[in-house]
């Protein structure tokens, strides 16, 4: 299981932005000719008007990657390791990465437990005086140190899954059009867990893809919508609305994602933010690879 999880983690594509996020040839040439940031942003806004993008930079600007020359989907960042808007771990292989950490822990624990009796004999001078006893000492310390280090990383990612955050979102809250919201993508601990591992628990411990969604649409918690956001939503012709303050994006949610959102009462975790989301609207955000 350790080898299988590792194999799936490194050989599964994490998903990349589709071609619709690339600027057209005319827009790209015009963008490169413009020197004023205001004019460049106007070009990006025109190109992104039909894209389901709801997050911006801290200065309310459309996020654009100059190196890859495409508009960044929500939660997407340029990966310095891949040198492109991509990532080593993203939507398609995040479950495999978590399972790899878990089976690494079990593997190190198994090695340390089976070597422990010989480690004790080493200190009591009960082992034969051969070079093998130093190998036993080295193996026990390596297994124990790897267990401690991987345990901290695994615990951290379990917390991230429970909060539905990427590592970058932990340090810098995503900025929606109504302002930053660190819990903007959280649907509650149970639903956040199901988004990564799927509905069927019998597949949770197997390195097979069971994450909910299609990698393009991503549900968010209830957030307050400002007039600008309502205008953007109303301009999307295929969009459908239900009620005065509820808008839906151009792309429909998958059946599995609709099941996640079946109970509105479980969308938002209890907390001081609860009062700020009662008058909000349902939105669906592009899922993207995470750094």
Protein backbone atom coordinates (compact mmCIF):
# COMPACT_ATOMS: atom_id res chain seq x y z
CA UNK A 1 0.00 0.00 0.00
CA UNK A 2 2.92 2.33 0.72
CA UNK A 3 4.47 1.75 -2.72
CA UNK A 4 1.09 1.86 -4.48
CA UNK A 5 0.19 5.21 -2.86
CA UNK A 6 3.61 6.67 -3.67
CA UNK A 7 3.36 5.51 -7.29
CA UNK A 8 -0.10 7.04 -7.73
CA UNK A 9 1.02 10.31 -6.12
CA UNK A 10 3.97 10.96 -8.40
CA UNK A 11 2.54 9.58 -11.66
CA UNK A 12 -0.96 11.08 -11.47
CA UNK A 13 -1.38 14.45 -13.14
CA UNK A 14 -2.64 16.97 -10.55
CA UNK A 15 -4.80 18.80 -13.18
CA UNK A 16 -4.07 22.02 -15.05
CA UNK A 17 -6.16 24.99 -16.16
CA UNK A 18 -8.08 24.42 -19.38
CA UNK A 19 -7.55 26.42 -22.57
CA UNK A 20 -10.48 28.71 -21.81
CA UNK A 21 -8.30 30.49 -19.24
CA UNK A 22 -5.75 31.42 -21.89
CA UNK A 23 -6.03 34.82 -23.52
CA UNK A 24 -6.83 34.95 -27.20
CA UNK A 25 -4.03 35.96 -29.54
CA UNK A 26 -5.50 39.44 -29.98
CA UNK A 27 -5.99 39.99 -26.24
CA UNK A 28 -2.49 38.72 -25.52
CA UNK A 29 -0.91 41.12 -28.00
CA UNK A 30 -2.95 44.00 -26.66
CA UNK A 31 -2.06 43.08 -23.08
CA UNK A 32 1.65 43.06 -23.88
CA UNK A 33 1.45 46.44 -25.61
CA UNK A 34 -0.30 48.12 -22.70
CA UNK A 35 1.94 49.67 -20.08
CA UNK A 36 -0.67 50.91 -17.64
CA UNK A 37 -1.90 48.33 -15.10
CA UNK A 38 -5.42 49.78 -15.33
CA UNK A 39 -5.61 49.07 -19.06
CA UNK A 40 -4.20 45.58 -18.59
CA UNK A 41 -6.80 44.83 -15.95
CA UNK A 42 -9.55 46.00 -18.27
CA UNK A 43 -8.37 43.49 -20.88
CA UNK A 44 -8.33 40.71 -18.27
CA UNK A 45 -11.81 41.61 -17.00
CA UNK A 46 -13.17 41.47 -20.54
CA UNK A 47 -11.53 38.09 -21.15
CA UNK A 48 -12.69 36.66 -17.80
CA UNK A 49 -16.30 37.89 -17.89
CA UNK A 50 -17.63 34.43 -18.86
CA UNK A 51 -15.31 32.48 -16.54
CA UNK A 52 -16.56 31.32 -13.12
CA UNK A 53 -13.89 33.20 -11.19
CA UNK A 54 -14.78 34.78 -7.85
CA UNK A 55 -11.46 35.40 -6.12
CA UNK A 56 -9.07 38.26 -6.80
CA UNK A 57 -5.81 39.64 -5.52
CA UNK A 58 -5.71 41.76 -2.38
CA UNK A 59 -5.94 44.85 -4.60
CA UNK A 60 -9.13 43.50 -6.30
CA UNK A 61 -7.27 42.71 -9.53
CA UNK A 62 -7.80 39.71 -11.80
CA UNK A 63 -5.11 37.16 -11.05
CA UNK A 64 -2.92 36.63 -14.12
CA UNK A 65 0.25 34.58 -14.60
CA UNK A 66 2.70 36.53 -16.78
CA UNK A 67 4.99 33.52 -17.20
CA UNK A 68 2.26 31.12 -18.36
CA UNK A 69 0.20 33.92 -19.95
CA UNK A 70 -3.16 32.78 -18.67
CA UNK A 71 -5.77 33.88 -16.17
CA UNK A 72 -5.40 32.02 -12.91
CA UNK A 73 -8.43 29.99 -11.80
CA UNK A 74 -9.46 30.30 -8.17
CA UNK A 75 -7.05 28.61 -5.74
CA UNK A 76 -4.46 28.22 -8.50
CA UNK A 77 -0.86 29.37 -8.22
CA UNK A 78 2.28 29.19 -10.30
CA UNK A 79 4.41 26.21 -9.26
CA UNK A 80 8.10 27.07 -9.16
CA UNK A 81 9.05 23.37 -9.25
CA UNK A 82 7.07 22.65 -12.43
CA UNK A 83 7.66 26.20 -13.77
CA UNK A 84 4.06 26.45 -14.86
CA UNK A 85 0.59 26.98 -13.42
CA UNK A 86 0.44 23.47 -12.16
CA UNK A 87 1.51 21.62 -9.07
CA UNK A 88 3.06 18.41 -7.86
CA UNK A 89 0.03 17.78 -5.65
CA UNK A 90 -3.41 18.99 -6.69
CA UNK A 91 -7.02 18.00 -7.13
CA UNK A 92 -6.38 14.69 -8.92
CA UNK A 93 -3.74 13.25 -6.61
CA UNK A 94 -4.28 14.88 -3.22
CA UNK A 95 -6.00 11.77 -1.84
CA UNK A 96 -3.05 9.65 -2.95
CA UNK A 97 -0.66 12.03 -1.20
CA UNK A 98 -2.57 11.76 2.08
CA UNK A 99 -2.64 7.96 1.85
CA UNK A 100 1.09 7.98 1.10
CA UNK A 101 1.73 9.91 4.32
CA UNK A 102 -0.51 7.57 6.31
CA UNK A 103 1.10 4.37 5.00
CA UNK A 104 4.54 5.92 5.52
CA UNK A 105 3.64 6.34 9.18
CA UNK A 106 2.46 2.75 9.47
CA UNK A 107 5.55 1.50 7.68
CA UNK A 108 7.93 3.38 9.99
CA UNK A 109 5.96 2.25 13.04
CA UNK A 110 6.12 -1.38 11.88
CA UNK A 111 9.89 -1.21 11.36
CA UNK A 112 10.51 0.47 14.72
CA UNK A 113 8.27 -2.02 16.56
CA UNK A 114 9.91 -5.10 15.06
CA UNK A 115 13.44 -3.80 15.71
CA UNK A 116 12.69 -2.61 19.25
CA UNK A 117 13.50 -5.94 20.92
CA UNK A 118 16.93 -6.04 19.26
CA UNK A 119 17.48 -2.39 20.13
CA UNK A 120 16.90 -3.22 23.79
CA UNK A 121 19.30 -6.15 23.57
CA UNK A 122 21.90 -3.83 22.07
CA UNK A 123 21.90 -1.64 25.17
CA UNK A 124 21.95 -4.65 27.51
CA UNK A 125 24.88 -6.18 25.57
CA UNK A 126 22.86 -9.29 24.74
CA UNK A 127 23.45 -9.05 20.98
CA UNK A 128 26.38 -10.94 19.42
CA UNK A 129 29.40 -8.72 18.88
CA UNK A 130 29.03 -8.32 15.11
CA UNK A 131 28.60 -5.41 12.70
CA UNK A 132 24.89 -6.25 12.51
CA UNK A 133 24.18 -4.70 15.90
CA UNK A 134 25.12 -1.26 14.55
CA UNK A 135 22.76 -1.80 11.66
CA UNK A 136 19.99 -2.49 14.16
CA UNK A 137 20.78 0.71 16.04
CA UNK A 138 20.79 2.76 12.83
CA UNK A 139 17.55 1.21 11.54
CA UNK A 140 15.65 1.93 14.76
CA UNK A 141 16.72 5.57 14.93
CA UNK A 142 15.95 6.20 11.25
CA UNK A 143 12.49 4.63 11.54
CA UNK A 144 11.72 6.59 14.70
CA UNK A 145 12.90 9.93 13.27
CA UNK A 146 10.96 9.46 10.03
CA UNK A 147 7.87 8.53 12.03
CA UNK A 148 8.04 11.75 14.05
CA UNK A 149 8.65 14.00 11.04
CA UNK A 150 5.98 12.38 8.83
CA UNK A 151 3.51 12.42 11.72
CA UNK A 152 3.73 16.21 11.96
CA UNK A 153 3.20 16.60 8.19
CA UNK A 154 0.31 14.13 8.14
CA UNK A 155 -1.38 15.81 11.11
CA UNK A 156 -1.05 19.20 9.42
CA UNK A 157 -2.67 17.95 6.20
CA UNK A 158 -5.46 16.26 8.14
CA UNK A 159 -6.19 19.66 9.66
CA UNK A 160 -6.12 21.24 6.19
CA UNK A 161 -8.61 18.68 4.88
CA UNK A 162 -10.93 19.34 7.81
CA UNK A 163 -10.82 23.07 7.03
CA UNK A 164 -10.75 22.62 3.21
CA UNK A 165 -7.72 24.86 2.78
CA UNK A 166 -4.55 24.71 0.76
CA UNK A 167 -1.23 25.48 2.40
CA UNK A 168 -1.17 28.93 0.80
CA UNK A 169 -4.71 29.69 1.99
CA UNK A 170 -3.59 28.91 5.54
CA UNK A 171 -1.16 31.84 5.49
CA UNK A 172 -3.10 34.12 3.14
CA UNK A 173 -6.89 33.97 3.06
CA UNK A 174 -8.44 33.94 -0.44
CA UNK A 175 -9.92 37.30 -1.36
CA UNK A 176 -13.47 37.20 -2.68
CA UNK A 177 -15.16 40.26 -4.13
CA UNK A 178 -16.67 40.98 -0.73
CA UNK A 179 -13.33 40.61 1.03
CA UNK A 180 -10.96 37.92 2.35
CA UNK A 181 -12.51 34.80 3.86
CA UNK A 182 -10.23 32.06 5.20
CA UNK A 183 -13.18 29.65 5.44
CA UNK A 184 -14.61 30.52 2.03
CA UNK A 185 -14.24 26.98 0.66
CA UNK A 186 -15.18 25.08 3.82
CA UNK A 187 -18.47 23.15 3.82
CA UNK A 188 -18.01 21.64 7.28
CA UNK A 189 -15.57 18.96 8.44
CA UNK A 190 -17.62 15.96 7.29
CA UNK A 191 -18.28 17.32 3.81
CA UNK A 192 -14.73 18.55 3.43
CA UNK A 193 -13.52 15.02 4.16
CA UNK A 194 -15.95 13.54 1.63
CA UNK A 195 -14.76 15.96 -1.03
CA UNK A 196 -11.30 14.41 -0.88
CA UNK A 197 -12.10 10.75 -0.12
CA UNK A 198 -15.55 10.36 -1.69
CA UNK A 199 -18.89 9.00 -0.53
CA UNK A 200 -18.04 5.29 -0.31
CA UNK A 201 -15.94 4.59 2.77
CA UNK A 202 -14.83 1.18 1.50
CA UNK A 203 -12.54 2.98 -0.98
CA UNK A 204 -11.10 5.54 1.43
CA UNK A 205 -7.98 3.51 2.26
CA UNK A 206 -7.29 2.44 -1.34
CA UNK A 207 -5.18 4.61 -3.69
CA UNK A 208 -7.94 4.86 -6.29
CA UNK A 209 -9.50 8.14 -7.35
CA UNK A 210 -12.77 8.74 -5.47
CA UNK A 211 -12.67 12.50 -4.84
CA UNK A 212 -15.95 14.30 -5.51
CA UNK A 213 -16.24 16.67 -8.43
CA UNK A 214 -14.70 16.90 -11.85
CA UNK A 215 -11.80 19.20 -11.10
CA UNK A 216 -13.50 22.18 -12.77
CA UNK A 217 -16.26 23.22 -10.37
CA UNK A 218 -15.84 23.54 -6.64
CA UNK A 219 -18.58 24.44 -4.13
CA UNK A 220 -17.97 27.14 -1.54
CA UNK A 221 -19.59 28.08 1.74
CA UNK A 222 -22.24 30.79 1.91
CA UNK A 223 -20.65 34.20 1.46
CA UNK A 224 -22.06 37.67 1.10
CA UNK A 225 -22.31 38.81 -2.51
CA UNK A 226 -21.69 42.42 -3.41
CA UNK A 227 -23.42 44.24 -6.29
CA UNK A 228 -20.45 43.69 -8.62
CA UNK A 229 -20.58 39.96 -8.11
CA UNK A 230 -24.32 39.87 -8.71
CA UNK A 231 -23.80 41.78 -11.95
CA UNK A 232 -21.15 39.32 -13.12
CA UNK A 233 -23.43 36.40 -12.32
CA UNK A 234 -26.40 37.94 -14.13
CA UNK A 235 -24.33 38.40 -17.29
CA UNK A 236 -23.80 34.66 -17.62
CA UNK A 237 -26.69 33.66 -19.85
CA UNK A 238 -26.81 29.95 -18.93
CA UNK A 239 -26.88 30.84 -15.24
CA UNK A 240 -30.01 29.99 -13.31
CA UNK A 241 -31.25 31.64 -10.16
CA UNK A 242 -33.34 30.43 -7.29
CA UNK A 243 -34.61 33.21 -5.09
CA UNK A 244 -33.52 36.81 -4.92
CA UNK A 245 -30.02 36.23 -3.57
CA UNK A 246 -29.06 32.82 -4.95
CA UNK A 247 -27.13 32.60 -8.22
CA UNK A 248 -25.49 29.68 -9.97
CA UNK A 249 -22.52 29.68 -12.35
CA UNK A 250 -22.42 28.70 -15.98
CA UNK A 251 -21.25 25.16 -15.25
CA UNK A 252 -23.55 22.73 -13.42
CA UNK A 253 -22.33 20.84 -10.42
CA UNK A 254 -21.80 17.12 -10.69
CA UNK A 255 -24.26 14.76 -9.02
CA UNK A 256 -21.76 13.97 -6.27
CA UNK A 257 -21.29 17.66 -5.49
CA UNK A 258 -25.04 18.21 -5.40
CA UNK A 259 -25.26 15.53 -2.73
CA UNK A 260 -22.70 17.46 -0.70
CA UNK A 261 -24.90 20.55 -0.80
CA UNK A 262 -28.18 18.74 -0.14
CA UNK A 263 -28.43 20.09 3.40
CA UNK A 264 -27.97 23.86 3.61
CA UNK A 265 -27.98 23.72 7.39
CA UNK A 266 -24.61 21.93 7.31
CA UNK A 267 -22.86 24.27 4.94
CA UNK A 268 -21.28 26.57 7.47
CA UNK A 269 -19.38 25.53 10.54
CA UNK A 270 -20.59 27.12 13.73
CA UNK A 271 -18.54 30.10 14.74
CA UNK A 272 -18.42 33.90 14.84
CA UNK A 273 -18.67 34.01 11.04
CA UNK A 274 -22.11 32.39 11.10
CA UNK A 275 -23.96 35.68 11.36
CA UNK A 276 -22.11 37.05 8.35
CA UNK A 277 -23.33 34.36 5.95
CA UNK A 278 -27.08 34.16 6.59
CA UNK A 279 -27.93 36.49 3.74
CA UNK A 280 -25.34 35.02 1.36
CA UNK A 281 -25.71 33.18 -1.90
CA UNK A 282 -24.55 29.80 -3.20
CA UNK A 283 -21.53 29.91 -5.47
CA UNK A 284 -19.37 27.37 -7.20
CA UNK A 285 -15.69 28.02 -7.68
CA UNK A 286 -13.23 26.60 -10.18
CA UNK A 287 -11.11 23.99 -8.49
CA UNK A 288 -7.48 24.41 -9.19
CA UNK A 289 -4.18 22.94 -8.29
CA UNK A 290 -2.74 24.01 -4.96
CA UNK A 291 0.69 24.94 -3.86
